[in-house]
Amino acid sequence: KFKDKEVMPPSYIREAISSQMVNSGMPP
């Protein structure tokens, strides 16, 4: 939301910023 108006659905936000693919599997 921006100024109380939905620009993107919350369900998409959650998926988009959740891991979908491992980029690098190296440990710290």
mmCIF file of all heavy atoms, coordinates in Angstrom:
data_MODEL
# 
_entry.id   MODEL 
# 
loop_
_atom_site.group_PDB 
_atom_site.id 
_atom_site.type_symbol 
_atom_site.label_atom_id 
_atom_site.label_alt_id 
_atom_site.label_comp_id 
_atom_site.label_asym_id 
_atom_site.label_entity_id 
_atom_site.label_seq_id 
_atom_site.pdbx_PDB_ins_code 
_atom_site.Cartn_x 
_atom_site.Cartn_y 
_atom_site.Cartn_z 
_atom_site.occupancy 
_atom_site.B_iso_or_equiv 
_atom_site.pdbx_formal_charge 
_atom_site.auth_seq_id 
_atom_site.auth_comp_id 
_atom_site.auth_asym_id 
_atom_site.auth_atom_id 
_atom_site.pdbx_PDB_model_num 
ATOM 1   N N   . LYS A 1 1  ? 0.823  -1.211  0.000  1.00 0.00 ? 1  LYS A N   1 
ATOM 2   C CA  . LYS A 1 1  ? 0.000  0.000   0.000  1.00 0.00 ? 1  LYS A CA  1 
ATOM 3   C C   . LYS A 1 1  ? 0.856  1.260   0.000  1.00 0.00 ? 1  LYS A C   1 
ATOM 4   O O   . LYS A 1 1  ? 1.927  1.302   0.601  1.00 0.00 ? 1  LYS A O   1 
ATOM 5   C CB  . LYS A 1 1  ? -0.919 0.028   1.223  1.00 0.00 ? 1  LYS A CB  1 
ATOM 6   C CG  . LYS A 1 1  ? -2.014 -1.022  1.207  1.00 0.00 ? 1  LYS A CG  1 
ATOM 7   C CD  . LYS A 1 1  ? -2.915 -0.873  2.417  1.00 0.00 ? 1  LYS A CD  1 
ATOM 8   C CE  . LYS A 1 1  ? -4.028 -1.915  2.401  1.00 0.00 ? 1  LYS A CE  1 
ATOM 9   N NZ  . LYS A 1 1  ? -4.909 -1.776  3.582  1.00 0.00 ? 1  LYS A NZ  1 
ATOM 10  N N   . PHE A 1 2  ? 0.336  2.292   -0.678 1.00 0.00 ? 2  PHE A N   1 
ATOM 11  C CA  . PHE A 1 2  ? 0.937  3.621   -0.638 1.00 0.00 ? 2  PHE A CA  1 
ATOM 12  C C   . PHE A 1 2  ? -0.179 4.623   -0.392 1.00 0.00 ? 2  PHE A C   1 
ATOM 13  O O   . PHE A 1 2  ? -1.125 4.719   -1.166 1.00 0.00 ? 2  PHE A O   1 
ATOM 14  C CB  . PHE A 1 2  ? 1.661  3.933   -1.955 1.00 0.00 ? 2  PHE A CB  1 
ATOM 15  C CG  . PHE A 1 2  ? 2.326  5.283   -1.965 1.00 0.00 ? 2  PHE A CG  1 
ATOM 16  C CD1 . PHE A 1 2  ? 3.511  5.486   -1.278 1.00 0.00 ? 2  PHE A CD1 1 
ATOM 17  C CD2 . PHE A 1 2  ? 1.758  6.356   -2.651 1.00 0.00 ? 2  PHE A CD2 1 
ATOM 18  C CE1 . PHE A 1 2  ? 4.143  6.726   -1.282 1.00 0.00 ? 2  PHE A CE1 1 
ATOM 19  C CE2 . PHE A 1 2  ? 2.379  7.596   -2.663 1.00 0.00 ? 2  PHE A CE2 1 
ATOM 20  C CZ  . PHE A 1 2  ? 3.568  7.782   -1.966 1.00 0.00 ? 2  PHE A CZ  1 
ATOM 21  N N   . LYS A 1 3  ? -0.077 5.335   0.739  1.00 0.00 ? 3  LYS A N   1 
ATOM 22  C CA  . LYS A 1 3  ? -1.128 6.273   1.162  1.00 0.00 ? 3  LYS A CA  1 
ATOM 23  C C   . LYS A 1 3  ? -2.489 5.591   1.178  1.00 0.00 ? 3  LYS A C   1 
ATOM 24  O O   . LYS A 1 3  ? -3.473 6.092   0.614  1.00 0.00 ? 3  LYS A O   1 
ATOM 25  C CB  . LYS A 1 3  ? -1.133 7.508   0.258  1.00 0.00 ? 3  LYS A CB  1 
ATOM 26  C CG  . LYS A 1 3  ? 0.124  8.369   0.394  1.00 0.00 ? 3  LYS A CG  1 
ATOM 27  C CD  . LYS A 1 3  ? 0.027  9.663   -0.396 1.00 0.00 ? 3  LYS A CD  1 
ATOM 28  C CE  . LYS A 1 3  ? 1.269  10.526  -0.145 1.00 0.00 ? 3  LYS A CE  1 
ATOM 29  N NZ  . LYS A 1 3  ? 1.220  11.814  -0.896 1.00 0.00 ? 3  LYS A NZ  1 
ATOM 30  N N   . ASP A 1 4  ? -2.508 4.427   1.805  1.00 0.00 ? 4  ASP A N   1 
ATOM 31  C CA  . ASP A 1 4  ? -3.737 3.634   2.020  1.00 0.00 ? 4  ASP A CA  1 
ATOM 32  C C   . ASP A 1 4  ? -4.359 3.091   0.733  1.00 0.00 ? 4  ASP A C   1 
ATOM 33  O O   . ASP A 1 4  ? -5.471 2.566   0.748  1.00 0.00 ? 4  ASP A O   1 
ATOM 34  C CB  . ASP A 1 4  ? -4.795 4.452   2.776  1.00 0.00 ? 4  ASP A CB  1 
ATOM 35  C CG  . ASP A 1 4  ? -4.358 4.801   4.186  1.00 0.00 ? 4  ASP A CG  1 
ATOM 36  O OD1 . ASP A 1 4  ? -3.659 3.964   4.802  1.00 0.00 ? 4  ASP A OD1 1 
ATOM 37  O OD2 . ASP A 1 4  ? -4.677 5.913   4.657  1.00 0.00 ? 4  ASP A OD2 1 
ATOM 38  N N   . LYS A 1 5  ? -3.647 3.190   -0.385 1.00 0.00 ? 5  LYS A N   1 
ATOM 39  C CA  . LYS A 1 5  ? -4.155 2.619   -1.625 1.00 0.00 ? 5  LYS A CA  1 
ATOM 40  C C   . LYS A 1 5  ? -3.303 1.427   -2.010 1.00 0.00 ? 5  LYS A C   1 
ATOM 41  O O   . LYS A 1 5  ? -2.078 1.526   -2.060 1.00 0.00 ? 5  LYS A O   1 
ATOM 42  C CB  . LYS A 1 5  ? -4.135 3.662   -2.750 1.00 0.00 ? 5  LYS A CB  1 
ATOM 43  C CG  . LYS A 1 5  ? -4.692 3.122   -4.066 1.00 0.00 ? 5  LYS A CG  1 
ATOM 44  C CD  . LYS A 1 5  ? -4.687 4.193   -5.147 1.00 0.00 ? 5  LYS A CD  1 
ATOM 45  C CE  . LYS A 1 5  ? -5.252 3.640   -6.448 1.00 0.00 ? 5  LYS A CE  1 
ATOM 46  N NZ  . LYS A 1 5  ? -5.273 4.667   -7.528 1.00 0.00 ? 5  LYS A NZ  1 
ATOM 47  N N   . GLU A 1 6  ? -3.956 0.288   -2.286 1.00 0.00 ? 6  GLU A N   1 
ATOM 48  C CA  . GLU A 1 6  ? -3.202 -0.922  -2.617 1.00 0.00 ? 6  GLU A CA  1 
ATOM 49  C C   . GLU A 1 6  ? -2.630 -0.838  -4.030 1.00 0.00 ? 6  GLU A C   1 
ATOM 50  O O   . GLU A 1 6  ? -3.352 -0.660  -4.998 1.00 0.00 ? 6  GLU A O   1 
ATOM 51  C CB  . GLU A 1 6  ? -4.096 -2.156  -2.500 1.00 0.00 ? 6  GLU A CB  1 
ATOM 52  C CG  . GLU A 1 6  ? -3.326 -3.461  -2.728 1.00 0.00 ? 6  GLU A CG  1 
ATOM 53  C CD  . GLU A 1 6  ? -4.175 -4.700  -2.511 1.00 0.00 ? 6  GLU A CD  1 
ATOM 54  O OE1 . GLU A 1 6  ? -4.371 -5.075  -1.340 1.00 0.00 ? 6  GLU A OE1 1 
ATOM 55  O OE2 . GLU A 1 6  ? -4.662 -5.254  -3.519 1.00 0.00 ? 6  GLU A OE2 1 
ATOM 56  N N   . VAL A 1 7  ? -1.317 -0.966  -4.111 1.00 0.00 ? 7  VAL A N   1 
ATOM 57  C CA  . VAL A 1 7  ? -0.617 -0.990  -5.395 1.00 0.00 ? 7  VAL A CA  1 
ATOM 58  C C   . VAL A 1 7  ? -0.292 -2.424  -5.786 1.00 0.00 ? 7  VAL A C   1 
ATOM 59  O O   . VAL A 1 7  ? -0.356 -2.785  -6.962 1.00 0.00 ? 7  VAL A O   1 
ATOM 60  C CB  . VAL A 1 7  ? 0.675  -0.148  -5.319 1.00 0.00 ? 7  VAL A CB  1 
ATOM 61  C CG1 . VAL A 1 7  ? 1.411  -0.165  -6.656 1.00 0.00 ? 7  VAL A CG1 1 
ATOM 62  C CG2 . VAL A 1 7  ? 0.367  1.280   -4.906 1.00 0.00 ? 7  VAL A CG2 1 
ATOM 63  N N   . MET A 1 8  ? 0.059  -3.249  -4.789 1.00 0.00 ? 8  MET A N   1 
ATOM 64  C CA  . MET A 1 8  ? 0.350  -4.670  -5.003 1.00 0.00 ? 8  MET A CA  1 
ATOM 65  C C   . MET A 1 8  ? -0.337 -5.466  -3.902 1.00 0.00 ? 8  MET A C   1 
ATOM 66  O O   . MET A 1 8  ? -0.380 -5.015  -2.750 1.00 0.00 ? 8  MET A O   1 
ATOM 67  C CB  . MET A 1 8  ? 1.867  -4.918  -4.965 1.00 0.00 ? 8  MET A CB  1 
ATOM 68  C CG  . MET A 1 8  ? 2.661  -4.245  -6.058 1.00 0.00 ? 8  MET A CG  1 
ATOM 69  S SD  . MET A 1 8  ? 4.460  -4.354  -5.792 1.00 0.00 ? 8  MET A SD  1 
ATOM 70  C CE  . MET A 1 8  ? 4.681  -3.136  -4.474 1.00 0.00 ? 8  MET A CE  1 
ATOM 71  N N   . PRO A 1 9  ? -0.866 -6.652  -4.205 1.00 0.00 ? 9  PRO A N   1 
ATOM 72  C CA  . PRO A 1 9  ? -1.534 -7.453  -3.174 1.00 0.00 ? 9  PRO A CA  1 
ATOM 73  C C   . PRO A 1 9  ? -0.540 -7.984  -2.140 1.00 0.00 ? 9  PRO A C   1 
ATOM 74  O O   . PRO A 1 9  ? 0.588  -8.352  -2.496 1.00 0.00 ? 9  PRO A O   1 
ATOM 75  C CB  . PRO A 1 9  ? -2.175 -8.597  -3.960 1.00 0.00 ? 9  PRO A CB  1 
ATOM 76  C CG  . PRO A 1 9  ? -1.417 -8.669  -5.235 1.00 0.00 ? 9  PRO A CG  1 
ATOM 77  C CD  . PRO A 1 9  ? -0.951 -7.275  -5.542 1.00 0.00 ? 9  PRO A CD  1 
ATOM 78  N N   . PRO A 1 10 ? -0.934 -8.025  -0.853 1.00 0.00 ? 10 PRO A N   1 
ATOM 79  C CA  . PRO A 1 10 ? -0.030 -8.526  0.198  1.00 0.00 ? 10 PRO A CA  1 
ATOM 80  C C   . PRO A 1 10 ? 0.470  -9.947  -0.075 1.00 0.00 ? 10 PRO A C   1 
ATOM 81  O O   . PRO A 1 10 ? 1.606  -10.286 0.275  1.00 0.00 ? 10 PRO A O   1 
ATOM 82  C CB  . PRO A 1 10 ? -0.889 -8.464  1.463  1.00 0.00 ? 10 PRO A CB  1 
ATOM 83  C CG  . PRO A 1 10 ? -1.924 -7.433  1.164  1.00 0.00 ? 10 PRO A CG  1 
ATOM 84  C CD  . PRO A 1 10 ? -2.204 -7.549  -0.299 1.00 0.00 ? 10 PRO A CD  1 
ATOM 85  N N   . SER A 1 11 ? -0.363 -10.779 -0.704 1.00 0.00 ? 11 SER A N   1 
ATOM 86  C CA  . SER A 1 11 ? 0.046  -12.157 -0.991 1.00 0.00 ? 11 SER A CA  1 
ATOM 87  C C   . SER A 1 11 ? 1.242  -12.183 -1.940 1.00 0.00 ? 11 SER A C   1 
ATOM 88  O O   . SER A 1 11 ? 2.152  -13.009 -1.803 1.00 0.00 ? 11 SER A O   1 
ATOM 89  C CB  . SER A 1 11 ? -1.119 -12.939 -1.602 1.00 0.00 ? 11 SER A CB  1 
ATOM 90  O OG  . SER A 1 11 ? -1.579 -12.308 -2.797 1.00 0.00 ? 11 SER A OG  1 
ATOM 91  N N   . TYR A 1 12 ? 1.270  -11.259 -2.900 1.00 0.00 ? 12 TYR A N   1 
ATOM 92  C CA  . TYR A 1 12 ? 2.398  -11.187 -3.821 1.00 0.00 ? 12 TYR A CA  1 
ATOM 93  C C   . TYR A 1 12 ? 3.637  -10.677 -3.099 1.00 0.00 ? 12 TYR A C   1 
ATOM 94  O O   . TYR A 1 12 ? 4.744  -11.201 -3.312 1.00 0.00 ? 12 TYR A O   1 
ATOM 95  C CB  . TYR A 1 12 ? 2.073  -10.277 -5.004 1.00 0.00 ? 12 TYR A CB  1 
ATOM 96  C CG  . TYR A 1 12 ? 3.283  -10.008 -5.865 1.00 0.00 ? 12 TYR A CG  1 
ATOM 97  C CD1 . TYR A 1 12 ? 3.791  -10.993 -6.707 1.00 0.00 ? 12 TYR A CD1 1 
ATOM 98  C CD2 . TYR A 1 12 ? 3.950  -8.787  -5.800 1.00 0.00 ? 12 TYR A CD2 1 
ATOM 99  C CE1 . TYR A 1 12 ? 4.926  -10.763 -7.470 1.00 0.00 ? 12 TYR A CE1 1 
ATOM 100 C CE2 . TYR A 1 12 ? 5.084  -8.546  -6.558 1.00 0.00 ? 12 TYR A CE2 1 
ATOM 101 C CZ  . TYR A 1 12 ? 5.567  -9.540  -7.386 1.00 0.00 ? 12 TYR A CZ  1 
ATOM 102 O OH  . TYR A 1 12 ? 6.695  -9.314  -8.133 1.00 0.00 ? 12 TYR A OH  1 
ATOM 103 N N   . ILE A 1 13 ? 3.461  -9.682  -2.253 1.00 0.00 ? 13 ILE A N   1 
ATOM 104 C CA  . ILE A 1 13 ? 4.595  -9.138  -1.501 1.00 0.00 ? 13 ILE A CA  1 
ATOM 105 C C   . ILE A 1 13 ? 5.294  -10.248 -0.727 1.00 0.00 ? 13 ILE A C   1 
ATOM 106 O O   . ILE A 1 13 ? 6.530  -10.374 -0.748 1.00 0.00 ? 13 ILE A O   1 
ATOM 107 C CB  . ILE A 1 13 ? 4.126  -8.035  -0.528 1.00 0.00 ? 13 ILE A CB  1 
ATOM 108 C CG1 . ILE A 1 13 ? 3.573  -6.823  -1.306 1.00 0.00 ? 13 ILE A CG1 1 
ATOM 109 C CG2 . ILE A 1 13 ? 5.260  -7.608  0.392  1.00 0.00 ? 13 ILE A CG2 1 
ATOM 110 C CD1 . ILE A 1 13 ? 4.598  -5.991  -1.995 1.00 0.00 ? 13 ILE A CD1 1 
ATOM 111 N N   . ARG A 1 14 ? 4.511  -11.065 -0.028 1.00 0.00 ? 14 ARG A N   1 
ATOM 112 C CA  . ARG A 1 14 ? 5.088  -12.137 0.798  1.00 0.00 ? 14 ARG A CA  1 
ATOM 113 C C   . ARG A 1 14 ? 5.865  -13.131 -0.051 1.00 0.00 ? 14 ARG A C   1 
ATOM 114 O O   . ARG A 1 14 ? 6.955  -13.579 0.331  1.00 0.00 ? 14 ARG A O   1 
ATOM 115 C CB  . ARG A 1 14 ? 3.985  -12.842 1.588  1.00 0.00 ? 14 ARG A CB  1 
ATOM 116 C CG  . ARG A 1 14 ? 3.422  -12.023 2.741  1.00 0.00 ? 14 ARG A CG  1 
ATOM 117 C CD  . ARG A 1 14 ? 2.546  -12.877 3.652  1.00 0.00 ? 14 ARG A CD  1 
ATOM 118 N NE  . ARG A 1 14 ? 1.338  -13.323 2.961  1.00 0.00 ? 14 ARG A NE  1 
ATOM 119 C CZ  . ARG A 1 14 ? 0.189  -12.634 2.932  1.00 0.00 ? 14 ARG A CZ  1 
ATOM 120 N NH1 . ARG A 1 14 ? 0.126  -11.455 3.541  1.00 0.00 ? 14 ARG A NH1 1 
ATOM 121 N NH2 . ARG A 1 14 ? -0.860 -13.092 2.301  1.00 0.00 ? 14 ARG A NH2 1 
ATOM 122 N N   . GLU A 1 15 ? 5.305  -13.531 -1.197 1.00 0.00 ? 15 GLU A N   1 
ATOM 123 C CA  . GLU A 1 15 ? 6.004  -14.495 -2.058 1.00 0.00 ? 15 GLU A CA  1 
ATOM 124 C C   . GLU A 1 15 ? 7.246  -13.901 -2.689 1.00 0.00 ? 15 GLU A C   1 
ATOM 125 O O   . GLU A 1 15 ? 8.287  -14.554 -2.789 1.00 0.00 ? 15 GLU A O   1 
ATOM 126 C CB  . GLU A 1 15 ? 5.055  -14.990 -3.154 1.00 0.00 ? 15 GLU A CB  1 
ATOM 127 C CG  . GLU A 1 15 ? 4.037  -16.013 -2.685 1.00 0.00 ? 15 GLU A CG  1 
ATOM 128 C CD  . GLU A 1 15 ? 3.483  -16.805 -3.845 1.00 0.00 ? 15 GLU A CD  1 
ATOM 129 O OE1 . GLU A 1 15 ? 4.210  -17.686 -4.348 1.00 0.00 ? 15 GLU A OE1 1 
ATOM 130 O OE2 . GLU A 1 15 ? 2.341  -16.536 -4.250 1.00 0.00 ? 15 GLU A OE2 1 
ATOM 131 N N   . ALA A 1 16 ? 7.156  -12.652 -3.118 1.00 0.00 ? 16 ALA A N   1 
ATOM 132 C CA  . ALA A 1 16 ? 8.266  -12.020 -3.824 1.00 0.00 ? 16 ALA A CA  1 
ATOM 133 C C   . ALA A 1 16 ? 9.490  -11.860 -2.941 1.00 0.00 ? 16 ALA A C   1 
ATOM 134 O O   . ALA A 1 16 ? 10.623 -11.924 -3.429 1.00 0.00 ? 16 ALA A O   1 
ATOM 135 C CB  . ALA A 1 16 ? 7.834  -10.663 -4.371 1.00 0.00 ? 16 ALA A CB  1 
ATOM 136 N N   . ILE A 1 17 ? 9.288  -11.658 -1.633 1.00 0.00 ? 17 ILE A N   1 
ATOM 137 C CA  . ILE A 1 17 ? 10.437 -11.470 -0.741 1.00 0.00 ? 17 ILE A CA  1 
ATOM 138 C C   . ILE A 1 17 ? 10.725 -12.728 0.079  1.00 0.00 ? 17 ILE A C   1 
ATOM 139 O O   . ILE A 1 17 ? 11.424 -12.672 1.090  1.00 0.00 ? 17 ILE A O   1 
ATOM 140 C CB  . ILE A 1 17 ? 10.248 -10.245 0.176  1.00 0.00 ? 17 ILE A CB  1 
ATOM 141 C CG1 . ILE A 1 17 ? 9.060  -10.435 1.116  1.00 0.00 ? 17 ILE A CG1 1 
ATOM 142 C CG2 . ILE A 1 17 ? 10.092 -8.979  -0.650 1.00 0.00 ? 17 ILE A CG2 1 
ATOM 143 C CD1 . ILE A 1 17 ? 8.935  -9.309  2.141  1.00 0.00 ? 17 ILE A CD1 1 
ATOM 144 N N   . SER A 1 18 ? 10.189 -13.849 -0.380 1.00 0.00 ? 18 SER A N   1 
ATOM 145 C CA  . SER A 1 18 ? 10.502 -15.151 0.226  1.00 0.00 ? 18 SER A CA  1 
ATOM 146 C C   . SER A 1 18 ? 11.390 -15.939 -0.725 1.00 0.00 ? 18 SER A C   1 
ATOM 147 O O   . SER A 1 18 ? 11.312 -15.778 -1.947 1.00 0.00 ? 18 SER A O   1 
ATOM 148 C CB  . SER A 1 18 ? 9.224  -15.947 0.504  1.00 0.00 ? 18 SER A CB  1 
ATOM 149 O OG  . SER A 1 18 ? 8.393  -15.270 1.413  1.00 0.00 ? 18 SER A OG  1 
ATOM 150 N N   . SER A 1 19 ? 12.220 -16.808 -0.191 1.00 0.00 ? 19 SER A N   1 
ATOM 151 C CA  . SER A 1 19 ? 13.165 -17.560 -1.011 1.00 0.00 ? 19 SER A CA  1 
ATOM 152 C C   . SER A 1 19 ? 12.442 -18.466 -1.999 1.00 0.00 ? 19 SER A C   1 
ATOM 153 O O   . SER A 1 19 ? 11.651 -19.324 -1.602 1.00 0.00 ? 19 SER A O   1 
ATOM 154 C CB  . SER A 1 19 ? 14.097 -18.393 -0.120 1.00 0.00 ? 19 SER A CB  1 
ATOM 155 O OG  . SER A 1 19 ? 14.898 -17.562 0.680  1.00 0.00 ? 19 SER A OG  1 
ATOM 156 N N   . GLN A 1 20 ? 12.737 -18.283 -3.278 1.00 0.00 ? 20 GLN A N   1 
ATOM 157 C CA  . GLN A 1 20 ? 12.192 -19.112 -4.339 1.00 0.00 ? 20 GLN A CA  1 
ATOM 158 C C   . GLN A 1 20 ? 13.275 -19.953 -5.007 1.00 0.00 ? 20 GLN A C   1 
ATOM 159 O O   . GLN A 1 20 ? 12.990 -20.990 -5.579 1.00 0.00 ? 20 GLN A O   1 
ATOM 160 C CB  . GLN A 1 20 ? 11.523 -18.229 -5.402 1.00 0.00 ? 20 GLN A CB  1 
ATOM 161 C CG  . GLN A 1 20 ? 10.454 -17.298 -4.874 1.00 0.00 ? 20 GLN A CG  1 
ATOM 162 C CD  . GLN A 1 20 ? 9.214  -18.026 -4.416 1.00 0.00 ? 20 GLN A CD  1 
ATOM 163 O OE1 . GLN A 1 20 ? 8.915  -19.129 -4.877 1.00 0.00 ? 20 GLN A OE1 1 
ATOM 164 N NE2 . GLN A 1 20 ? 8.463  -17.417 -3.497 1.00 0.00 ? 20 GLN A NE2 1 
ATOM 165 N N   . MET A 1 21 ? 14.532 -19.493 -4.901 1.00 0.00 ? 21 MET A N   1 
ATOM 166 C CA  . MET A 1 21 ? 15.643 -20.189 -5.546 1.00 0.00 ? 21 MET A CA  1 
ATOM 167 C C   . MET A 1 21 ? 16.925 -19.898 -4.785 1.00 0.00 ? 21 MET A C   1 
ATOM 168 O O   . MET A 1 21 ? 17.170 -18.758 -4.381 1.00 0.00 ? 21 MET A O   1 
ATOM 169 C CB  . MET A 1 21 ? 15.790 -19.722 -7.003 1.00 0.00 ? 21 MET A CB  1 
ATOM 170 C CG  . MET A 1 21 ? 16.741 -20.557 -7.836 1.00 0.00 ? 21 MET A CG  1 
ATOM 171 S SD  . MET A 1 21 ? 16.127 -22.246 -8.061 1.00 0.00 ? 21 MET A SD  1 
ATOM 172 C CE  . MET A 1 21 ? 17.516 -23.034 -8.852 1.00 0.00 ? 21 MET A CE  1 
ATOM 173 N N   . VAL A 1 22 ? 17.722 -20.927 -4.569 1.00 0.00 ? 22 VAL A N   1 
ATOM 174 C CA  . VAL A 1 22 ? 19.007 -20.741 -3.895 1.00 0.00 ? 22 VAL A CA  1 
ATOM 175 C C   . VAL A 1 22 ? 19.987 -20.108 -4.877 1.00 0.00 ? 22 VAL A C   1 
ATOM 176 O O   . VAL A 1 22 ? 20.208 -20.621 -5.971 1.00 0.00 ? 22 VAL A O   1 
ATOM 177 C CB  . VAL A 1 22 ? 19.568 -22.083 -3.384 1.00 0.00 ? 22 VAL A CB  1 
ATOM 178 C CG1 . VAL A 1 22 ? 20.969 -21.898 -2.832 1.00 0.00 ? 22 VAL A CG1 1 
ATOM 179 C CG2 . VAL A 1 22 ? 18.654 -22.662 -2.315 1.00 0.00 ? 22 VAL A CG2 1 
ATOM 180 N N   . ASN A 1 23 ? 20.544 -18.982 -4.492 1.00 0.00 ? 23 ASN A N   1 
ATOM 181 C CA  . ASN A 1 23 ? 21.558 -18.314 -5.303 1.00 0.00 ? 23 ASN A CA  1 
ATOM 182 C C   . ASN A 1 23 ? 22.929 -18.883 -4.988 1.00 0.00 ? 23 ASN A C   1 
ATOM 183 O O   . ASN A 1 23 ? 23.660 -19.315 -5.872 1.00 0.00 ? 23 ASN A O   1 
ATOM 184 C CB  . ASN A 1 23 ? 21.517 -16.805 -5.055 1.00 0.00 ? 23 ASN A CB  1 
ATOM 185 C CG  . ASN A 1 23 ? 22.518 -16.051 -5.908 1.00 0.00 ? 23 ASN A CG  1 
ATOM 186 O OD1 . ASN A 1 23 ? 23.141 -16.600 -6.809 1.00 0.00 ? 23 ASN A OD1 1 
ATOM 187 N ND2 . ASN A 1 23 ? 22.676 -14.772 -5.627 1.00 0.00 ? 23 ASN A ND2 1 
ATOM 188 N N   . SER A 1 24 ? 23.295 -18.891 -3.731 1.00 0.00 ? 24 SER A N   1 
ATOM 189 C CA  . SER A 1 24 ? 24.560 -19.470 -3.292 1.00 0.00 ? 24 SER A CA  1 
ATOM 190 C C   . SER A 1 24 ? 24.321 -20.245 -2.008 1.00 0.00 ? 24 SER A C   1 
ATOM 191 O O   . SER A 1 24 ? 23.803 -19.706 -1.035 1.00 0.00 ? 24 SER A O   1 
ATOM 192 C CB  . SER A 1 24 ? 25.592 -18.362 -3.050 1.00 0.00 ? 24 SER A CB  1 
ATOM 193 O OG  . SER A 1 24 ? 26.767 -18.894 -2.482 1.00 0.00 ? 24 SER A OG  1 
ATOM 194 N N   . GLY A 1 25 ? 24.696 -21.526 -2.008 1.00 0.00 ? 25 GLY A N   1 
ATOM 195 C CA  . GLY A 1 25 ? 24.451 -22.373 -0.847 1.00 0.00 ? 25 GLY A CA  1 
ATOM 196 C C   . GLY A 1 25 ? 25.602 -22.435 0.129  1.00 0.00 ? 25 GLY A C   1 
ATOM 197 O O   . GLY A 1 25 ? 25.622 -23.287 1.013  1.00 0.00 ? 25 GLY A O   1 
ATOM 198 N N   . MET A 1 26 ? 26.581 -21.540 -0.029 1.00 0.00 ? 26 MET A N   1 
ATOM 199 C CA  . MET A 1 26 ? 27.756 -21.576 0.838  1.00 0.00 ? 26 MET A CA  1 
ATOM 200 C C   . MET A 1 26 ? 27.408 -21.135 2.259  1.00 0.00 ? 26 MET A C   1 
ATOM 201 O O   . MET A 1 26 ? 26.598 -20.242 2.460  1.00 0.00 ? 26 MET A O   1 
ATOM 202 C CB  . MET A 1 26 ? 28.847 -20.657 0.275  1.00 0.00 ? 26 MET A CB  1 
ATOM 203 C CG  . MET A 1 26 ? 29.364 -21.066 -1.088 1.00 0.00 ? 26 MET A CG  1 
ATOM 204 S SD  . MET A 1 26 ? 30.213 -22.657 -1.041 1.00 0.00 ? 26 MET A SD  1 
ATOM 205 C CE  . MET A 1 26 ? 31.675 -22.205 -0.102 1.00 0.00 ? 26 MET A CE  1 
ATOM 206 N N   . PRO A 1 27 ? 28.038 -21.770 3.271  1.00 0.00 ? 27 PRO A N   1 
ATOM 207 C CA  . PRO A 1 27 ? 27.818 -21.344 4.662  1.00 0.00 ? 27 PRO A CA  1 
ATOM 208 C C   . PRO A 1 27 ? 28.532 -20.019 4.924  1.00 0.00 ? 27 PRO A C   1 
ATOM 209 O O   . PRO A 1 27 ? 29.321 -19.549 4.094  1.00 0.00 ? 27 PRO A O   1 
ATOM 210 C CB  . PRO A 1 27 ? 28.456 -22.480 5.463  1.00 0.00 ? 27 PRO A CB  1 
ATOM 211 C CG  . PRO A 1 27 ? 29.503 -23.034 4.564  1.00 0.00 ? 27 PRO A CG  1 
ATOM 212 C CD  . PRO A 1 27 ? 28.943 -22.912 3.173  1.00 0.00 ? 27 PRO A CD  1 
ATOM 213 N N   . PRO A 1 28 ? 28.285 -19.374 6.078  1.00 0.00 ? 28 PRO A N   1 
ATOM 214 C CA  . PRO A 1 28 ? 28.943 -18.107 6.396  1.00 0.00 ? 28 PRO A CA  1 
ATOM 215 C C   . PRO A 1 28 ? 30.459 -18.248 6.383  1.00 0.00 ? 28 PRO A C   1 
ATOM 216 O O   . PRO A 1 28 ? 31.011 -19.285 6.752  1.00 0.00 ? 28 PRO A O   1 
ATOM 217 C CB  . PRO A 1 28 ? 28.427 -17.780 7.805  1.00 0.00 ? 28 PRO A CB  1 
ATOM 218 C CG  . PRO A 1 28 ? 27.157 -18.551 7.933  1.00 0.00 ? 28 PRO A CG  1 
ATOM 219 C CD  . PRO A 1 28 ? 27.339 -19.792 7.125  1.00 0.00 ? 28 PRO A CD  1 
# 
